[in-house]
Structures are given as structure tokens and as C-alpha cells.
N, C-alpha and C. Protein backbone atom coordinates (compact mmCIF):
# COMPACT_ATOMS: atom_id res chain seq x y z
N MET A 1 -30.63 3.58 -8.86
CA MET A 1 -30.16 5.11 -8.90
C MET A 1 -31.04 5.72 -7.64
N ARG A 2 -31.27 4.87 -6.77
CA ARG A 2 -31.70 4.90 -5.38
C ARG A 2 -30.81 5.90 -4.55
N GLU A 3 -29.86 6.37 -5.04
CA GLU A 3 -28.91 7.20 -4.34
C GLU A 3 -29.36 8.78 -4.03
N LYS A 4 -30.23 9.11 -5.36
CA LYS A 4 -30.99 10.41 -5.41
C LYS A 4 -31.26 10.88 -4.24
N TRP A 5 -32.25 9.76 -3.80
CA TRP A 5 -33.25 9.86 -3.07
C TRP A 5 -32.69 9.73 -1.52
N THR A 6 -31.62 9.33 -1.37
CA THR A 6 -30.77 8.77 0.21
C THR A 6 -29.83 10.19 0.41
N GLU A 7 -29.89 10.33 1.88
CA GLU A 7 -29.15 11.77 2.51
C GLU A 7 -27.73 10.91 2.39
N ALA A 8 -27.69 9.63 2.48
CA ALA A 8 -26.26 9.28 3.06
C ALA A 8 -25.83 7.66 2.05
N ILE A 9 -24.70 7.60 1.63
CA ILE A 9 -24.38 6.48 0.99
C ILE A 9 -23.47 6.10 1.65
N THR A 10 -23.96 4.56 2.02
CA THR A 10 -22.78 3.69 2.90
C THR A 10 -21.55 3.23 1.89
N VAL A 11 -20.65 3.02 2.67
CA VAL A 11 -19.33 2.49 1.58
C VAL A 11 -18.54 1.62 2.46
N ASP A 12 -19.12 0.33 2.51
CA ASP A 12 -18.66 -0.35 3.78
C ASP A 12 -16.94 -1.29 2.96
N ASP A 13 -16.43 -1.00 2.13
CA ASP A 13 -15.37 -1.90 1.87
C ASP A 13 -14.05 -0.62 1.89
N ILE A 14 -14.03 0.28 2.58
CA ILE A 14 -12.86 1.60 2.80
C ILE A 14 -13.14 2.32 4.26
N GLU A 15 -11.88 2.44 4.49
CA GLU A 15 -12.29 3.22 5.62
C GLU A 15 -12.30 4.27 5.99
N ALA A 16 -12.75 5.01 6.45
CA ALA A 16 -13.32 6.44 6.50
C ALA A 16 -12.16 7.37 6.18
N PRO A 17 -11.06 7.54 7.32
CA PRO A 17 -9.78 8.09 6.35
C PRO A 17 -9.57 7.83 5.11
N VAL A 18 -9.58 6.71 4.64
CA VAL A 18 -8.91 6.27 3.33
C VAL A 18 -9.69 6.84 2.13
N PHE A 19 -11.08 6.91 2.47
CA PHE A 19 -12.19 7.42 1.63
C PHE A 19 -11.93 8.85 1.72
N LYS A 20 -11.59 9.89 2.94
CA LYS A 20 -11.78 10.82 2.38
C LYS A 20 -9.95 11.39 1.17
N PHE A 21 -8.92 10.65 1.92
CA PHE A 21 -7.90 10.66 1.05
C PHE A 21 -8.08 10.56 -0.29
N MET A 22 -8.87 9.66 -0.49
CA MET A 22 -9.31 9.09 -2.03
C MET A 22 -10.08 10.01 -2.77
N LEU A 23 -11.21 10.46 -1.95
CA LEU A 23 -12.00 11.97 -2.42
C LEU A 23 -11.67 12.89 -2.39
N TYR A 24 -10.35 13.16 -1.93
CA TYR A 24 -9.42 14.47 -2.11
C TYR A 24 -9.00 14.37 -3.27
N PHE A 25 -8.03 13.29 -3.84
CA PHE A 25 -7.60 13.08 -4.78
C PHE A 25 -8.26 13.16 -5.88
N ILE A 26 -9.45 12.61 -5.59
CA ILE A 26 -10.28 12.65 -6.84
C ILE A 26 -10.84 14.46 -7.00
N TYR A 27 -10.92 15.04 -6.46
CA TYR A 27 -11.42 16.62 -6.56
C TYR A 27 -9.82 17.53 -6.71
N SER A 28 -9.10 17.17 -6.50
CA SER A 28 -7.67 17.57 -6.80
C SER A 28 -7.06 17.15 -7.17
N ASP A 29 -6.56 15.95 -8.17
CA ASP A 29 -5.77 15.39 -8.55
C ASP A 29 -4.56 15.67 -7.85
N SER A 30 -4.13 15.42 -6.28
CA SER A 30 -3.07 15.38 -5.92
C SER A 30 -3.29 14.72 -4.71
N LEU A 31 -2.37 14.06 -3.61
CA LEU A 31 -2.69 13.48 -2.68
C LEU A 31 -2.42 14.51 -1.27
N LEU A 32 -2.85 14.42 -0.28
CA LEU A 32 -3.10 15.33 0.91
C LEU A 32 -1.52 15.12 1.45
N ASP A 33 -1.13 15.85 1.77
CA ASP A 33 0.12 16.38 2.17
C ASP A 33 0.49 15.64 3.69
N PHE A 34 0.03 14.29 3.47
CA PHE A 34 0.43 13.21 4.90
C PHE A 34 1.79 12.95 4.75
N GLU A 35 2.62 12.70 3.38
CA GLU A 35 3.94 12.19 3.59
C GLU A 35 5.14 13.35 4.56
N GLN A 36 4.74 14.55 4.39
CA GLN A 36 5.54 15.15 4.85
C GLN A 36 5.78 15.56 6.53
N ASN A 37 4.56 14.95 6.96
CA ASN A 37 4.58 15.03 8.61
C ASN A 37 5.02 13.54 9.04
N SER A 38 5.59 12.49 8.55
CA SER A 38 5.93 11.70 8.73
C SER A 38 7.41 11.85 9.45
N ASN A 39 7.32 12.11 10.63
CA ASN A 39 9.17 12.22 11.17
C ASN A 39 9.47 11.16 12.09
N ASN A 40 8.23 10.81 12.86
CA ASN A 40 8.97 10.07 13.78
C ASN A 40 8.24 8.72 13.17
N ASP A 41 8.57 7.26 13.97
CA ASP A 41 8.50 5.94 13.72
C ASP A 41 7.07 5.86 13.49
N GLY A 42 6.17 6.00 14.83
CA GLY A 42 4.75 6.27 14.67
C GLY A 42 4.12 6.77 13.56
N GLU A 43 4.56 7.53 12.81
CA GLU A 43 3.76 8.36 11.83
C GLU A 43 4.20 8.17 10.31
N HIS A 44 5.50 7.40 10.27
CA HIS A 44 6.00 6.66 8.83
C HIS A 44 5.05 5.37 8.87
N LYS A 45 5.00 4.42 10.25
CA LYS A 45 3.80 3.62 10.24
C LYS A 45 2.34 3.65 9.48
N ASP A 46 2.19 5.19 9.82
CA ASP A 46 0.42 5.29 9.70
C ASP A 46 0.96 6.14 8.60
N LEU A 47 1.90 6.47 7.70
CA LEU A 47 2.01 6.71 6.33
C LEU A 47 1.97 5.75 5.05
N ILE A 48 2.87 4.47 5.72
CA ILE A 48 2.58 3.63 4.84
C ILE A 48 1.22 2.53 5.10
N PHE A 49 0.95 2.76 6.30
CA PHE A 49 -0.52 2.05 6.42
C PHE A 49 -1.60 2.58 5.51
N MET A 50 -1.70 4.25 5.38
CA MET A 50 -2.64 4.77 4.83
C MET A 50 -2.03 4.93 2.87
N ALA A 51 -1.00 4.65 2.33
CA ALA A 51 -0.37 4.38 1.21
C ALA A 51 -0.88 3.03 0.67
N GLN A 52 -0.88 1.89 1.55
CA GLN A 52 -0.87 0.62 1.09
C GLN A 52 -2.57 0.92 1.04
N HIS A 53 -3.67 0.91 2.15
CA HIS A 53 -4.81 1.34 1.89
C HIS A 53 -5.17 2.03 0.70
N LEU A 54 -4.89 3.39 0.37
CA LEU A 54 -5.03 3.68 -1.04
C LEU A 54 -4.75 3.20 -1.83
N LEU A 55 -3.72 2.28 -2.02
CA LEU A 55 -3.21 1.60 -3.19
C LEU A 55 -4.06 0.44 -3.30
N VAL A 56 -5.12 -0.10 -2.54
CA VAL A 56 -6.16 -1.14 -2.21
C VAL A 56 -7.49 -0.23 -2.96
N ALA A 57 -7.48 0.82 -2.37
CA ALA A 57 -8.85 1.71 -3.08
C ALA A 57 -9.12 2.11 -4.58
N ALA A 58 -7.16 2.62 -4.44
CA ALA A 58 -7.15 3.01 -6.22
C ALA A 58 -7.61 1.68 -7.19
N ASP A 59 -6.89 0.51 -6.88
CA ASP A 59 -6.96 -0.33 -7.69
C ASP A 59 -8.46 -0.93 -7.41
N ARG A 60 -9.24 -0.99 -6.79
CA ARG A 60 -10.25 -1.21 -6.80
C ARG A 60 -11.74 -0.29 -7.31
N TYR A 61 -11.35 1.01 -7.11
CA TYR A 61 -11.95 1.98 -7.98
C TYR A 61 -11.55 2.64 -9.41
N ASP A 62 -10.38 2.01 -9.86
CA ASP A 62 -9.60 2.14 -11.04
C ASP A 62 -9.37 3.29 -11.21
N LEU A 63 -8.67 3.85 -10.36
CA LEU A 63 -8.08 5.36 -9.98
C LEU A 63 -6.55 5.29 -10.35
N GLU A 64 -5.92 4.93 -11.48
CA GLU A 64 -4.91 4.25 -12.29
C GLU A 64 -3.82 5.35 -11.79
N ARG A 65 -4.07 6.38 -11.73
CA ARG A 65 -3.09 7.76 -11.26
C ARG A 65 -2.72 7.75 -9.56
N LEU A 66 -4.12 7.55 -9.34
CA LEU A 66 -3.70 7.44 -7.86
C LEU A 66 -2.67 6.33 -7.31
N LYS A 67 -3.23 5.18 -7.68
CA LYS A 67 -2.69 3.90 -7.63
C LYS A 67 -1.01 4.12 -8.36
N LEU A 68 -0.50 4.87 -9.11
CA LEU A 68 0.65 4.68 -9.41
C LEU A 68 1.54 5.60 -8.15
N MET A 69 0.75 6.63 -8.02
CA MET A 69 1.26 7.69 -6.71
C MET A 69 1.37 7.14 -5.51
N CYS A 70 0.79 6.12 -5.24
CA CYS A 70 0.92 5.22 -3.66
C CYS A 70 1.86 4.16 -4.00
N GLU A 71 2.14 3.74 -5.08
CA GLU A 71 3.42 2.52 -5.79
C GLU A 71 4.41 3.18 -5.35
N ASP A 72 4.97 4.72 -5.89
CA ASP A 72 5.80 5.52 -5.86
C ASP A 72 6.30 6.01 -4.33
N LEU A 73 5.21 6.51 -3.55
CA LEU A 73 5.01 6.09 -2.32
C LEU A 73 5.77 5.49 -1.39
N LEU A 74 5.20 4.28 -1.33
CA LEU A 74 5.41 3.15 -1.45
C LEU A 74 6.89 2.39 -1.84
N TYR A 75 7.62 2.67 -2.49
CA TYR A 75 8.55 2.34 -3.38
C TYR A 75 9.83 3.63 -2.52
N LYS A 76 9.37 4.53 -2.12
CA LYS A 76 10.19 5.69 -1.53
C LYS A 76 10.38 5.55 0.19
N ASN A 77 9.22 4.55 0.55
CA ASN A 77 9.59 4.47 1.54
C ASN A 77 9.90 2.67 2.25
N LEU A 78 10.41 2.09 1.29
CA LEU A 78 10.40 0.49 1.72
C LEU A 78 11.94 0.69 2.34
N ASP A 79 11.59 -0.59 3.56
CA ASP A 79 12.46 -0.71 3.84
C ASP A 79 12.45 -1.69 4.80
N VAL A 80 12.72 -2.54 5.41
CA VAL A 80 13.26 -4.00 6.41
C VAL A 80 11.89 -4.31 6.83
N SER A 81 11.35 -3.41 7.72
CA SER A 81 9.71 -3.92 8.03
C SER A 81 8.50 -3.73 6.98
N THR A 82 9.28 -3.14 6.18
CA THR A 82 7.66 -2.96 5.10
C THR A 82 7.49 -3.73 4.08
N VAL A 83 8.86 -4.01 3.47
CA VAL A 83 9.06 -4.84 2.41
C VAL A 83 8.05 -5.97 1.88
N ALA A 84 8.11 -7.02 3.02
CA ALA A 84 7.56 -7.69 3.22
C ALA A 84 6.05 -7.86 2.22
N SER A 85 5.25 -6.77 3.58
CA SER A 85 3.77 -6.30 3.59
C SER A 85 3.67 -5.79 2.10
N THR A 86 4.63 -4.65 1.24
CA THR A 86 4.64 -3.68 0.31
C THR A 86 4.25 -5.07 -0.88
N PHE A 87 5.52 -5.75 -1.22
CA PHE A 87 5.33 -7.11 -2.17
C PHE A 87 4.63 -7.85 -1.96
N VAL A 88 3.69 -8.17 -0.94
CA VAL A 88 2.17 -8.94 -1.20
C VAL A 88 1.24 -7.82 -1.47
N LEU A 89 1.15 -7.00 -1.38
CA LEU A 89 0.59 -5.82 -1.91
C LEU A 89 0.84 -5.82 -3.26
N ALA A 90 1.51 -5.37 -3.74
CA ALA A 90 2.08 -5.35 -5.27
C ALA A 90 1.74 -6.44 -5.97
N GLU A 91 1.83 -7.92 -5.54
CA GLU A 91 1.36 -9.02 -6.11
C GLU A 91 0.10 -9.04 -6.53
N GLN A 92 -0.71 -8.78 -5.16
CA GLN A 92 -2.49 -9.07 -5.29
C GLN A 92 -2.90 -8.04 -6.14
N HIS A 93 -2.38 -7.05 -6.28
CA HIS A 93 -2.93 -5.78 -7.43
C HIS A 93 -1.89 -5.50 -8.45
N SER A 94 -1.32 -6.68 -9.10
CA SER A 94 -0.60 -6.00 -10.64
C SER A 94 0.52 -4.97 -10.04
N CYS A 95 0.93 -4.88 -9.49
CA CYS A 95 1.86 -3.67 -9.59
C CYS A 95 2.84 -3.92 -9.96
N LYS A 96 3.67 -4.33 -10.94
CA LYS A 96 4.53 -5.26 -11.48
C LYS A 96 5.95 -4.32 -10.96
N GLN A 97 5.73 -3.04 -11.49
CA GLN A 97 7.23 -2.01 -10.97
C GLN A 97 7.42 -2.43 -9.65
N LEU A 98 6.46 -1.93 -8.79
CA LEU A 98 6.70 -1.87 -7.29
C LEU A 98 7.31 -3.48 -6.97
N LYS A 99 6.58 -4.37 -7.58
CA LYS A 99 6.83 -5.59 -7.04
C LYS A 99 8.39 -6.07 -7.36
N ALA A 100 8.77 -5.66 -8.27
CA ALA A 100 10.18 -5.70 -9.13
C ALA A 100 10.92 -4.76 -8.01
N GLN A 101 10.77 -3.47 -7.62
CA GLN A 101 11.38 -2.95 -6.83
C GLN A 101 11.67 -3.37 -5.32
N CYS A 102 10.40 -4.22 -4.94
CA CYS A 102 10.46 -5.09 -3.77
C CYS A 102 11.19 -6.32 -3.97
N VAL A 103 11.53 -7.08 -4.63
CA VAL A 103 12.25 -7.89 -5.00
C VAL A 103 14.05 -7.74 -5.30
N GLN A 104 14.14 -6.47 -5.76
CA GLN A 104 15.47 -5.88 -5.85
C GLN A 104 15.80 -5.27 -4.46
N PHE A 105 14.82 -4.90 -3.66
CA PHE A 105 15.28 -4.45 -2.25
C PHE A 105 15.84 -5.63 -1.62
N MET A 106 15.09 -6.75 -1.51
CA MET A 106 15.33 -7.72 -0.49
C MET A 106 16.48 -8.76 -1.74
N SER A 107 17.31 -8.54 -2.47
CA SER A 107 18.18 -9.22 -3.48
C SER A 107 19.42 -9.58 -2.85
N SER A 108 19.70 -8.39 -1.68
CA SER A 108 21.16 -9.07 -0.93
C SER A 108 20.78 -10.15 0.41
N ARG A 109 21.91 -11.12 0.54
CA ARG A 109 21.42 -11.91 1.31
C ARG A 109 21.08 -11.36 2.78
N GLU A 110 21.94 -10.38 2.98
CA GLU A 110 21.65 -9.72 4.44
C GLU A 110 20.18 -9.05 4.69
N VAL A 111 20.02 -8.57 3.46
CA VAL A 111 18.59 -8.33 3.78
C VAL A 111 17.51 -8.77 3.95
N LEU A 112 17.72 -9.66 2.78
CA LEU A 112 16.80 -11.21 3.31
C LEU A 112 16.69 -11.41 4.07
N LYS A 113 17.72 -11.86 4.94
CA LYS A 113 17.75 -12.52 6.21
C LYS A 113 16.89 -11.35 7.57
N MET A 114 17.18 -10.09 7.21
CA MET A 114 16.67 -9.44 7.97
C MET A 114 14.95 -9.08 7.69
N VAL A 115 14.44 -9.17 6.70
CA VAL A 115 13.37 -9.37 5.77
C VAL A 115 12.79 -10.45 6.88
N ALA A 116 13.51 -11.95 6.61
CA ALA A 116 12.51 -13.19 7.17
C ALA A 116 12.61 -13.33 8.97
N GLU A 117 13.11 -12.05 9.40
CA GLU A 117 12.75 -11.77 10.87
C GLU A 117 11.55 -11.37 11.28
N THR A 118 11.01 -10.53 10.09
CA THR A 118 9.40 -9.66 10.58
C THR A 118 8.55 -10.51 10.73
N ASP A 119 7.36 -10.09 11.47
CA ASP A 119 6.22 -10.85 11.66
C ASP A 119 5.06 -10.92 10.14
N ALA A 120 5.70 -9.93 9.08
CA ALA A 120 4.86 -9.87 8.24
C ALA A 120 5.08 -11.15 7.24
N PHE A 121 6.81 -11.48 7.08
CA PHE A 121 7.48 -12.14 6.60
C PHE A 121 6.93 -13.53 7.08
N HIS A 122 6.87 -13.55 8.43
CA HIS A 122 6.27 -14.94 8.82
C HIS A 122 4.66 -15.36 8.37
N ILE A 123 3.71 -14.62 8.27
CA ILE A 123 2.57 -14.54 8.08
C ILE A 123 2.48 -14.98 6.45
N ILE A 124 3.17 -14.06 5.71
CA ILE A 124 3.68 -14.68 4.26
C ILE A 124 3.76 -15.88 4.44
N MET A 125 4.88 -16.38 4.95
CA MET A 125 5.41 -17.92 4.89
C MET A 125 4.46 -18.94 5.09
N LYS A 126 3.19 -18.52 6.51
CA LYS A 126 2.57 -19.33 6.74
C LYS A 126 1.37 -19.60 5.71
N ASN A 127 0.81 -18.47 5.26
CA ASN A 127 -0.70 -18.40 4.69
C ASN A 127 -0.39 -19.06 3.04
N SER A 128 0.73 -18.13 2.36
CA SER A 128 0.94 -18.17 1.08
C SER A 128 2.49 -18.20 0.98
N PRO A 129 3.19 -19.17 1.11
CA PRO A 129 4.26 -19.01 0.42
C PRO A 129 4.63 -19.15 -0.41
N SER A 130 3.93 -19.43 -1.19
CA SER A 130 4.45 -19.61 -3.09
C SER A 130 4.34 -17.96 -3.26
N ILE A 131 4.00 -16.97 -2.95
CA ILE A 131 3.98 -15.82 -3.53
C ILE A 131 5.54 -15.25 -3.52
N LEU A 132 6.36 -15.78 -2.57
CA LEU A 132 7.67 -15.30 -2.64
C LEU A 132 8.54 -16.28 -3.53
N LYS A 133 8.01 -16.87 -4.48
CA LYS A 133 8.72 -17.67 -5.37
C LYS A 133 9.66 -16.15 -6.25
N ASP A 134 9.49 -15.51 -6.15
CA ASP A 134 10.01 -14.61 -6.98
C ASP A 134 11.66 -13.92 -6.36
N VAL A 135 11.16 -14.15 -4.87
CA VAL A 135 12.45 -13.36 -4.00
C VAL A 135 13.67 -13.97 -4.08
């Protein structure tokens, strides 16, 4: 209970912007509207990055609704460049539905071939190829 007497609490396992979004969710039961502003490719990547990190934080801090919202956002934004990293995240954080959606997304030979050319896929193949047994 030392927190009562300190002015600040340091949270080392989460980045400040992610923590800000998580706190906003805790107090408002909604996400900050970062999805609406993702018009160009850079902003789209930021959206995916934030949703992936929020999902990790939600799982770590047992915020089931936030986790489900992040899963939904990631599913709606699946594409060739994001599906491999999203698949690994779904596997690591027991997101069965998101994992199944990733497998479904990669089910066609043409899409899987494009996914196999991404950096994320190469990293997975190098570090933990067994995770791809479902694909």
C-alpha cells in the first residue's frame, strides 16, 4: 500500500500512449476514436499497432471487454500485411475467435502466398514455426 504515500506510480510494462487509451476505456467504457482517423497507410499502421498493444494490456490487466473490442478492431482491419502478426498475438493471448478469423483470411492459396512474403511471416517462421500448424 505504499502507493497511498507516493505522488507517482511507475508502470513499466506498458507504453504511455497505450496506458492512456486503457485508462480512457476504464473510465468511459469506450475506446478513444482512433479508428476514424486512420485514412492513410501510416495512420492505419498506427491503428493496428495500438489495437495490438491494447489487446496485450487488456489481457494482462484482465479487461475482457477491452480485449474483445480490440479483437474486433483487429479482425475488421485484417489485411495481408497484418494477418501474420495478428495471428501470433491471437495465439499468445488465447483469442480463439480472432485466431480462427486469421486462419480463414489466409485460407486461400493466393492470400497465403502473399502473407508468406511479409516480414512478420518470416520472423514467425524463424522464431516459432510450430505456431503456424493451423494455417
